[in-house]
Amino acid sequence: MLDTLIQRLDNFNRSLGRGIAWLTLITVLLTFVIVVLRYGFDWGSIAMQESVIYLHALVFMAGAAYTLERDEHVRVDIFYSHMGPKHKAWVNLLGSLLFLLPFCLFTLWVSLPYAANSWKLLEGSREAGGLPLVFLLKSYIPIMAILLLLQGISLAARSLKEIR
């Protein structure tokens, strides 16, 4: 049962991460178009510029759990890199339980009312011609917390399995 949980959570975040990764290409292409339009044709669009911000935020927020699943987060691993599998599992288990999961729960607790209030107002851009979707942008925060929480549970379960 534990193996099934780990596999499902990992597969979910892996699939989501691979899909989200394509947004980086779209972001680069959109940025290129914005620059060409601005400097080549002296034309700009606030909505297009904001869409780059939205895509960039989504890549980082939704990609955080994928990065954790791939074990590619930046860390100071002066000691970690020299540890054996069991010691790494202990570090991952304790790190997940003491830092990652409480961080995710706190972020969720703080960001849910923030995003919900934005949805209630259907908050839009303060800029004239901007995107009327700020409520979606603010929703990325609790989504990130949920995805990281799920991947943290998977990491803790995998670590516990390794320790046993």
N, C-alpha and C. Protein backbone atom coordinates (compact mmCIF):
# COMPACT_ATOMS: atom_id res chain seq x y z
N MET A 1 0.82 -1.19 0.00
CA MET A 1 0.00 0.00 0.00
C MET A 1 0.87 1.27 0.00
N LEU A 2 1.94 1.25 0.81
CA LEU A 2 2.85 2.39 0.85
C LEU A 2 3.52 2.60 -0.50
N ASP A 3 3.89 1.50 -1.15
CA ASP A 3 4.51 1.59 -2.47
C ASP A 3 3.56 2.20 -3.49
N THR A 4 2.30 1.82 -3.41
CA THR A 4 1.29 2.35 -4.34
C THR A 4 1.11 3.85 -4.13
N LEU A 5 1.06 4.29 -2.86
CA LEU A 5 0.92 5.71 -2.54
C LEU A 5 2.11 6.49 -3.09
N ILE A 6 3.32 6.00 -2.83
CA ILE A 6 4.53 6.66 -3.32
C ILE A 6 4.50 6.77 -4.84
N GLN A 7 4.18 5.67 -5.47
CA GLN A 7 4.19 5.62 -6.94
C GLN A 7 3.14 6.58 -7.53
N ARG A 8 1.96 6.60 -6.95
CA ARG A 8 0.91 7.48 -7.48
C ARG A 8 1.25 8.96 -7.30
N LEU A 9 1.75 9.31 -6.12
CA LEU A 9 2.12 10.70 -5.88
C LEU A 9 3.28 11.12 -6.79
N ASP A 10 4.28 10.26 -6.91
CA ASP A 10 5.42 10.57 -7.78
C ASP A 10 4.98 10.69 -9.24
N ASN A 11 4.16 9.76 -9.68
CA ASN A 11 3.69 9.79 -11.08
C ASN A 11 2.87 11.05 -11.37
N PHE A 12 2.03 11.42 -10.41
CA PHE A 12 1.21 12.62 -10.59
C PHE A 12 2.10 13.86 -10.75
N ASN A 13 3.03 14.05 -9.82
CA ASN A 13 3.89 15.23 -9.89
C ASN A 13 4.85 15.17 -11.07
N ARG A 14 5.29 13.98 -11.43
CA ARG A 14 6.17 13.82 -12.60
C ARG A 14 5.42 14.22 -13.88
N SER A 15 4.21 13.73 -14.02
CA SER A 15 3.41 14.07 -15.21
C SER A 15 3.09 15.56 -15.26
N LEU A 16 2.70 16.11 -14.13
CA LEU A 16 2.40 17.53 -14.07
C LEU A 16 3.64 18.36 -14.39
N GLY A 17 4.76 17.97 -13.82
CA GLY A 17 6.01 18.70 -14.05
C GLY A 17 6.45 18.68 -15.50
N ARG A 18 6.30 17.55 -16.14
CA ARG A 18 6.67 17.46 -17.56
C ARG A 18 5.75 18.33 -18.42
N GLY A 19 4.49 18.36 -18.06
CA GLY A 19 3.56 19.23 -18.79
C GLY A 19 3.86 20.70 -18.55
N ILE A 20 4.12 21.05 -17.31
CA ILE A 20 4.41 22.43 -16.94
C ILE A 20 5.71 22.90 -17.61
N ALA A 21 6.65 22.00 -17.79
CA ALA A 21 7.94 22.36 -18.40
C ALA A 21 7.76 22.98 -19.79
N TRP A 22 6.73 22.55 -20.50
CA TRP A 22 6.46 23.11 -21.82
C TRP A 22 6.09 24.59 -21.75
N LEU A 23 5.61 25.01 -20.60
CA LEU A 23 5.26 26.43 -20.45
C LEU A 23 6.50 27.32 -20.51
N THR A 24 7.67 26.77 -20.19
CA THR A 24 8.89 27.58 -20.30
C THR A 24 9.15 27.94 -21.76
N LEU A 25 8.91 27.01 -22.67
CA LEU A 25 9.07 27.30 -24.09
C LEU A 25 8.08 28.37 -24.54
N ILE A 26 6.84 28.23 -24.11
CA ILE A 26 5.81 29.22 -24.45
C ILE A 26 6.20 30.59 -23.88
N THR A 27 6.73 30.61 -22.66
CA THR A 27 7.15 31.86 -22.03
C THR A 27 8.26 32.53 -22.84
N VAL A 28 9.24 31.74 -23.26
CA VAL A 28 10.35 32.29 -24.05
C VAL A 28 9.84 32.84 -25.39
N LEU A 29 8.99 32.07 -26.06
CA LEU A 29 8.46 32.52 -27.34
C LEU A 29 7.61 33.78 -27.19
N LEU A 30 6.79 33.82 -26.15
CA LEU A 30 5.96 35.00 -25.91
C LEU A 30 6.83 36.22 -25.59
N THR A 31 7.87 36.02 -24.81
CA THR A 31 8.79 37.11 -24.50
C THR A 31 9.46 37.62 -25.77
N PHE A 32 9.85 36.71 -26.64
CA PHE A 32 10.44 37.08 -27.93
C PHE A 32 9.46 37.93 -28.75
N VAL A 33 8.21 37.49 -28.82
CA VAL A 33 7.19 38.22 -29.57
C VAL A 33 6.99 39.62 -28.98
N ILE A 34 6.95 39.71 -27.65
CA ILE A 34 6.78 41.01 -26.98
C ILE A 34 7.92 41.96 -27.34
N VAL A 35 9.15 41.44 -27.31
CA VAL A 35 10.31 42.28 -27.63
C VAL A 35 10.28 42.72 -29.09
N VAL A 36 9.97 41.79 -29.99
CA VAL A 36 9.90 42.13 -31.41
C VAL A 36 8.82 43.18 -31.66
N LEU A 37 7.66 42.99 -31.05
CA LEU A 37 6.58 43.96 -31.23
C LEU A 37 6.93 45.33 -30.65
N ARG A 38 7.59 45.33 -29.50
CA ARG A 38 7.92 46.59 -28.85
C ARG A 38 8.99 47.36 -29.63
N TYR A 39 10.09 46.68 -29.95
CA TYR A 39 11.21 47.39 -30.57
C TYR A 39 11.15 47.40 -32.10
N GLY A 40 10.47 46.43 -32.67
CA GLY A 40 10.36 46.39 -34.12
C GLY A 40 9.18 47.17 -34.66
N PHE A 41 8.09 47.18 -33.90
CA PHE A 41 6.86 47.80 -34.39
C PHE A 41 6.32 48.88 -33.46
N ASP A 42 7.09 49.20 -32.40
CA ASP A 42 6.71 50.23 -31.44
C ASP A 42 5.30 50.00 -30.90
N TRP A 43 5.00 48.74 -30.58
CA TRP A 43 3.69 48.38 -30.06
C TRP A 43 3.87 47.49 -28.83
N GLY A 44 3.11 47.76 -27.80
CA GLY A 44 3.21 46.96 -26.58
C GLY A 44 1.85 46.56 -26.07
N SER A 45 1.85 45.54 -25.24
CA SER A 45 0.60 45.05 -24.67
C SER A 45 0.84 44.66 -23.21
N ILE A 46 0.14 45.34 -22.33
CA ILE A 46 0.24 45.03 -20.90
C ILE A 46 -0.22 43.59 -20.65
N ALA A 47 -1.29 43.18 -21.31
CA ALA A 47 -1.83 41.82 -21.11
C ALA A 47 -0.80 40.77 -21.51
N MET A 48 -0.08 40.99 -22.61
CA MET A 48 0.95 40.04 -23.03
C MET A 48 2.09 40.00 -22.01
N GLN A 49 2.48 41.16 -21.51
CA GLN A 49 3.54 41.20 -20.50
C GLN A 49 3.11 40.51 -19.22
N GLU A 50 1.88 40.73 -18.82
CA GLU A 50 1.38 40.07 -17.61
C GLU A 50 1.26 38.56 -17.82
N SER A 51 0.94 38.13 -19.02
CA SER A 51 0.82 36.69 -19.27
C SER A 51 2.18 36.00 -19.10
N VAL A 52 3.26 36.70 -19.40
CA VAL A 52 4.60 36.14 -19.15
C VAL A 52 4.80 35.96 -17.65
N ILE A 53 4.37 36.93 -16.87
CA ILE A 53 4.48 36.83 -15.41
C ILE A 53 3.66 35.65 -14.90
N TYR A 54 2.45 35.49 -15.40
CA TYR A 54 1.58 34.40 -14.97
C TYR A 54 2.21 33.05 -15.32
N LEU A 55 2.72 32.92 -16.54
CA LEU A 55 3.34 31.66 -16.96
C LEU A 55 4.59 31.37 -16.13
N HIS A 56 5.39 32.39 -15.90
CA HIS A 56 6.61 32.23 -15.12
C HIS A 56 6.27 31.77 -13.69
N ALA A 57 5.27 32.40 -13.11
CA ALA A 57 4.85 32.02 -11.76
C ALA A 57 4.34 30.58 -11.73
N LEU A 58 3.56 30.21 -12.73
CA LEU A 58 3.02 28.86 -12.78
C LEU A 58 4.13 27.82 -12.92
N VAL A 59 5.12 28.11 -13.74
CA VAL A 59 6.24 27.18 -13.91
C VAL A 59 6.94 26.95 -12.58
N PHE A 60 7.21 28.00 -11.85
CA PHE A 60 7.92 27.84 -10.58
C PHE A 60 7.05 27.25 -9.49
N MET A 61 5.81 27.70 -9.41
CA MET A 61 4.93 27.21 -8.34
C MET A 61 4.54 25.75 -8.54
N ALA A 62 4.11 25.40 -9.75
CA ALA A 62 3.69 24.02 -10.01
C ALA A 62 4.89 23.12 -10.22
N GLY A 63 6.03 23.70 -10.60
CA GLY A 63 7.22 22.89 -10.83
C GLY A 63 8.01 22.57 -9.58
N ALA A 64 7.68 23.19 -8.46
CA ALA A 64 8.42 22.96 -7.22
C ALA A 64 8.31 21.50 -6.76
N ALA A 65 7.13 20.93 -6.83
CA ALA A 65 6.94 19.54 -6.41
C ALA A 65 7.65 18.58 -7.36
N TYR A 66 7.62 18.88 -8.64
CA TYR A 66 8.34 18.06 -9.63
C TYR A 66 9.84 18.09 -9.35
N THR A 67 10.35 19.26 -9.02
CA THR A 67 11.77 19.39 -8.70
C THR A 67 12.11 18.58 -7.45
N LEU A 68 11.23 18.59 -6.47
CA LEU A 68 11.45 17.79 -5.27
C LEU A 68 11.41 16.30 -5.61
N GLU A 69 10.48 15.90 -6.45
CA GLU A 69 10.38 14.49 -6.85
C GLU A 69 11.66 14.05 -7.56
N ARG A 70 12.25 14.93 -8.34
CA ARG A 70 13.48 14.62 -9.08
C ARG A 70 14.73 14.79 -8.21
N ASP A 71 14.56 15.24 -6.95
CA ASP A 71 15.66 15.49 -6.02
C ASP A 71 16.66 16.49 -6.60
N GLU A 72 16.12 17.56 -7.18
CA GLU A 72 16.98 18.55 -7.82
C GLU A 72 16.88 19.93 -7.18
N HIS A 73 16.32 19.99 -5.98
CA HIS A 73 16.29 21.27 -5.28
C HIS A 73 17.71 21.63 -4.85
N VAL A 74 17.95 22.92 -4.78
CA VAL A 74 19.25 23.40 -4.33
C VAL A 74 19.35 23.11 -2.84
N ARG A 75 20.47 22.54 -2.46
CA ARG A 75 20.70 22.31 -1.03
C ARG A 75 22.19 22.39 -0.76
N VAL A 76 22.51 22.67 0.46
CA VAL A 76 23.91 22.64 0.87
C VAL A 76 24.19 21.21 1.27
N ASP A 77 24.85 20.49 0.37
CA ASP A 77 25.03 19.06 0.63
C ASP A 77 26.49 18.70 0.87
N ILE A 78 27.15 19.50 1.69
CA ILE A 78 28.53 19.19 2.06
C ILE A 78 28.58 17.81 2.73
N PHE A 79 27.61 17.55 3.58
CA PHE A 79 27.57 16.28 4.29
C PHE A 79 26.68 15.27 3.58
N TYR A 80 25.56 15.73 3.07
CA TYR A 80 24.55 14.86 2.46
C TYR A 80 25.12 14.03 1.32
N SER A 81 25.93 14.64 0.48
CA SER A 81 26.46 13.93 -0.70
C SER A 81 27.37 12.77 -0.32
N HIS A 82 27.93 12.80 0.88
CA HIS A 82 28.84 11.73 1.32
C HIS A 82 28.15 10.69 2.19
N MET A 83 26.87 10.86 2.43
CA MET A 83 26.13 9.92 3.29
C MET A 83 25.69 8.71 2.49
N GLY A 84 25.47 7.63 3.22
CA GLY A 84 24.93 6.42 2.61
C GLY A 84 23.42 6.55 2.45
N PRO A 85 22.79 5.60 1.77
CA PRO A 85 21.35 5.66 1.51
C PRO A 85 20.49 5.76 2.78
N LYS A 86 20.87 5.04 3.84
CA LYS A 86 20.07 5.08 5.08
C LYS A 86 20.15 6.44 5.76
N HIS A 87 21.35 7.01 5.80
CA HIS A 87 21.50 8.33 6.42
C HIS A 87 20.79 9.41 5.59
N LYS A 88 20.86 9.30 4.27
CA LYS A 88 20.13 10.24 3.41
C LYS A 88 18.62 10.12 3.66
N ALA A 89 18.17 8.88 3.85
CA ALA A 89 16.74 8.66 4.11
C ALA A 89 16.34 9.33 5.42
N TRP A 90 17.20 9.25 6.45
CA TRP A 90 16.91 9.91 7.71
C TRP A 90 16.84 11.43 7.54
N VAL A 91 17.80 11.98 6.80
CA VAL A 91 17.80 13.43 6.57
C VAL A 91 16.53 13.84 5.82
N ASN A 92 16.16 13.06 4.80
CA ASN A 92 14.96 13.37 4.02
C ASN A 92 13.69 13.23 4.87
N LEU A 93 13.63 12.19 5.68
CA LEU A 93 12.46 11.98 6.53
C LEU A 93 12.32 13.12 7.53
N LEU A 94 13.39 13.41 8.25
CA LEU A 94 13.33 14.49 9.25
C LEU A 94 13.12 15.85 8.61
N GLY A 95 13.77 16.08 7.48
CA GLY A 95 13.58 17.34 6.77
C GLY A 95 12.15 17.52 6.31
N SER A 96 11.55 16.43 5.84
CA SER A 96 10.15 16.48 5.40
C SER A 96 9.21 16.73 6.56
N LEU A 97 9.40 15.98 7.64
CA LEU A 97 8.49 16.08 8.78
C LEU A 97 8.65 17.37 9.57
N LEU A 98 9.89 17.84 9.71
CA LEU A 98 10.14 19.02 10.55
C LEU A 98 10.09 20.35 9.80
N PHE A 99 10.37 20.31 8.50
CA PHE A 99 10.45 21.57 7.77
C PHE A 99 9.45 21.65 6.60
N LEU A 100 9.52 20.69 5.69
CA LEU A 100 8.72 20.78 4.48
C LEU A 100 7.21 20.71 4.75
N LEU A 101 6.77 19.69 5.45
CA LEU A 101 5.32 19.54 5.69
C LEU A 101 4.76 20.69 6.53
N PRO A 102 5.43 21.13 7.62
CA PRO A 102 4.90 22.30 8.33
C PRO A 102 4.89 23.57 7.46
N PHE A 103 5.92 23.75 6.63
CA PHE A 103 5.95 24.90 5.73
C PHE A 103 4.75 24.86 4.78
N CYS A 104 4.49 23.69 4.21
CA CYS A 104 3.37 23.55 3.27
C CYS A 104 2.04 23.81 3.96
N LEU A 105 1.86 23.26 5.16
CA LEU A 105 0.61 23.47 5.89
C LEU A 105 0.43 24.94 6.27
N PHE A 106 1.50 25.58 6.71
CA PHE A 106 1.43 27.01 7.04
C PHE A 106 1.10 27.84 5.80
N THR A 107 1.78 27.55 4.71
CA THR A 107 1.54 28.28 3.46
C THR A 107 0.10 28.10 3.00
N LEU A 108 -0.39 26.88 3.12
CA LEU A 108 -1.78 26.60 2.75
C LEU A 108 -2.74 27.38 3.65
N TRP A 109 -2.48 27.36 4.94
CA TRP A 109 -3.32 28.04 5.91
C TRP A 109 -3.37 29.55 5.66
N VAL A 110 -2.24 30.13 5.31
CA VAL A 110 -2.16 31.57 5.08
C VAL A 110 -2.70 31.94 3.69
N SER A 111 -2.42 31.11 2.69
CA SER A 111 -2.74 31.50 1.32
C SER A 111 -4.18 31.20 0.89
N LEU A 112 -4.83 30.24 1.53
CA LEU A 112 -6.21 29.93 1.14
C LEU A 112 -7.16 31.12 1.30
N PRO A 113 -7.15 31.80 2.45
CA PRO A 113 -8.03 32.99 2.56
C PRO A 113 -7.62 34.10 1.59
N TYR A 114 -6.32 34.24 1.36
CA TYR A 114 -5.80 35.25 0.44
C TYR A 114 -6.32 34.99 -0.97
N ALA A 115 -6.23 33.75 -1.43
CA ALA A 115 -6.71 33.39 -2.76
C ALA A 115 -8.24 33.43 -2.81
N ALA A 116 -8.89 32.94 -1.76
CA ALA A 116 -10.36 32.92 -1.74
C ALA A 116 -10.92 34.34 -1.82
N ASN A 117 -10.31 35.26 -1.12
CA ASN A 117 -10.76 36.65 -1.17
C ASN A 117 -10.60 37.22 -2.58
N SER A 118 -9.51 36.86 -3.22
CA SER A 118 -9.28 37.31 -4.59
C SER A 118 -10.33 36.73 -5.54
N TRP A 119 -10.69 35.47 -5.31
CA TRP A 119 -11.74 34.84 -6.13
C TRP A 119 -13.09 35.51 -5.88
N LYS A 120 -13.35 35.85 -4.61
CA LYS A 120 -14.62 36.49 -4.26
C LYS A 120 -14.77 37.81 -5.02
N LEU A 121 -13.67 38.52 -5.16
CA LEU A 121 -13.68 39.82 -5.86
C LEU A 121 -13.47 39.67 -7.37
N LEU A 122 -13.12 38.45 -7.80
CA LEU A 122 -12.68 38.22 -9.18
C LEU A 122 -11.66 39.29 -9.57
N GLU A 123 -10.65 39.38 -8.72
CA GLU A 123 -9.64 40.41 -8.82
C GLU A 123 -8.93 40.40 -10.17
N GLY A 124 -8.77 41.58 -10.70
CA GLY A 124 -8.09 41.73 -11.98
C GLY A 124 -6.88 42.63 -11.85
N SER A 125 -6.23 42.86 -12.94
CA SER A 125 -5.04 43.69 -12.97
C SER A 125 -5.37 45.13 -12.62
N ARG A 126 -4.42 45.80 -11.99
CA ARG A 126 -4.58 47.22 -11.68
C ARG A 126 -4.20 48.07 -12.89
N GLU A 127 -3.56 47.45 -13.85
CA GLU A 127 -3.12 48.16 -15.04
C GLU A 127 -4.23 48.20 -16.09
N ALA A 128 -4.39 49.31 -16.75
CA ALA A 128 -5.35 49.41 -17.84
C ALA A 128 -4.88 48.48 -18.96
N GLY A 129 -5.74 47.62 -19.42
CA GLY A 129 -5.36 46.68 -20.48
C GLY A 129 -4.70 45.42 -19.95
N GLY A 130 -4.64 45.29 -18.63
CA GLY A 130 -4.04 44.09 -18.03
C GLY A 130 -5.02 42.94 -17.99
N LEU A 131 -4.51 41.79 -17.57
CA LEU A 131 -5.36 40.59 -17.50
C LEU A 131 -6.30 40.67 -16.30
N PRO A 132 -7.54 40.28 -16.49
CA PRO A 132 -8.50 40.30 -15.38
C PRO A 132 -8.45 38.99 -14.58
N LEU A 133 -7.25 38.44 -14.39
CA LEU A 133 -7.12 37.10 -13.82
C LEU A 133 -6.18 37.03 -12.62
N VAL A 134 -6.06 38.09 -11.87
CA VAL A 134 -5.16 38.09 -10.71
C VAL A 134 -5.58 37.00 -9.72
N PHE A 135 -6.86 36.73 -9.65
CA PHE A 135 -7.34 35.67 -8.76
C PHE A 135 -6.73 34.32 -9.12
N LEU A 136 -6.50 34.06 -10.41
CA LEU A 136 -5.83 32.83 -10.81
C LEU A 136 -4.37 32.83 -10.37
N LEU A 137 -3.71 33.95 -10.54
CA LEU A 137 -2.31 34.08 -10.14
C LEU A 137 -2.15 33.81 -8.65
N LYS A 138 -3.04 34.35 -7.85
CA LYS A 138 -2.97 34.15 -6.40
C LYS A 138 -3.31 32.70 -6.02
N SER A 139 -4.03 32.02 -6.86
CA SER A 139 -4.37 30.62 -6.61
C SER A 139 -3.17 29.70 -6.75
N TYR A 140 -2.14 30.15 -7.45
CA TYR A 140 -0.93 29.33 -7.61
C TYR A 140 -0.29 29.03 -6.26
N ILE A 141 -0.44 29.93 -5.30
CA ILE A 141 0.23 29.75 -4.00
C ILE A 141 -0.32 28.53 -3.26
N PRO A 142 -1.63 28.42 -3.02
CA PRO A 142 -2.11 27.21 -2.36
C PRO A 142 -1.93 25.95 -3.21
N ILE A 143 -1.99 26.10 -4.53
CA ILE A 143 -1.74 24.95 -5.40
C ILE A 143 -0.32 24.44 -5.19
N MET A 144 0.65 25.35 -5.13
CA MET A 144 2.03 24.96 -4.86
C MET A 144 2.14 24.24 -3.52
N ALA A 145 1.48 24.79 -2.50
CA ALA A 145 1.55 24.18 -1.17
C ALA A 145 0.97 22.77 -1.18
N ILE A 146 -0.13 22.57 -1.87
CA ILE A 146 -0.75 21.24 -1.95
C ILE A 146 0.15 20.26 -2.69
N LEU A 147 0.69 20.69 -3.83
CA LEU A 147 1.56 19.81 -4.61
C LEU A 147 2.82 19.44 -3.84
N LEU A 148 3.42 20.44 -3.17
CA LEU A 148 4.61 20.16 -2.36
C LEU A 148 4.27 19.28 -1.17
N LEU A 149 3.11 19.49 -0.57
CA LEU A 149 2.68 18.66 0.55
C LEU A 149 2.56 17.20 0.12
N LEU A 150 1.92 16.98 -1.02
CA LEU A 150 1.78 15.61 -1.53
C LEU A 150 3.14 14.99 -1.83
N GLN A 151 4.02 15.76 -2.45
CA GLN A 151 5.34 15.22 -2.76
C GLN A 151 6.16 15.02 -1.50
N GLY A 152 5.97 15.88 -0.51
CA GLY A 152 6.64 15.71 0.78
C GLY A 152 6.19 14.44 1.48
N ILE A 153 4.91 14.12 1.38
CA ILE A 153 4.40 12.87 1.95
C ILE A 153 5.05 11.68 1.24
N SER A 154 5.16 11.78 -0.08
CA SER A 154 5.81 10.71 -0.85
C SER A 154 7.27 10.56 -0.44
N LEU A 155 7.97 11.69 -0.29
CA LEU A 155 9.38 11.65 0.11
C LEU A 155 9.54 11.05 1.50
N ALA A 156 8.68 11.44 2.42
CA ALA A 156 8.74 10.90 3.78
C ALA A 156 8.44 9.40 3.77
N ALA A 157 7.44 8.98 3.00
CA ALA A 157 7.09 7.56 2.92
C ALA A 157 8.24 6.76 2.30
N ARG A 158 8.83 7.29 1.24
CA ARG A 158 9.96 6.61 0.58
C ARG A 158 11.16 6.50 1.53
N SER A 159 11.39 7.56 2.29
CA SER A 159 12.49 7.58 3.26
C SER A 159 12.24 6.57 4.37
N LEU A 160 11.01 6.52 4.86
CA LEU A 160 10.64 5.55 5.90
C LEU A 160 10.84 4.13 5.39
N LYS A 161 10.47 3.91 4.17
CA LYS A 161 10.65 2.59 3.55
C LYS A 161 12.14 2.23 3.47
N GLU A 162 12.96 3.18 3.11
CA GLU A 162 14.41 2.97 3.01
C GLU A 162 15.01 2.67 4.39
N ILE A 163 14.53 3.37 5.40
CA ILE A 163 15.04 3.17 6.75
C ILE A 163 14.70 1.78 7.27
N ARG A 164 13.50 1.31 6.96
CA ARG A 164 13.07 -0.03 7.39
C ARG A 164 13.89 -1.06 6.67
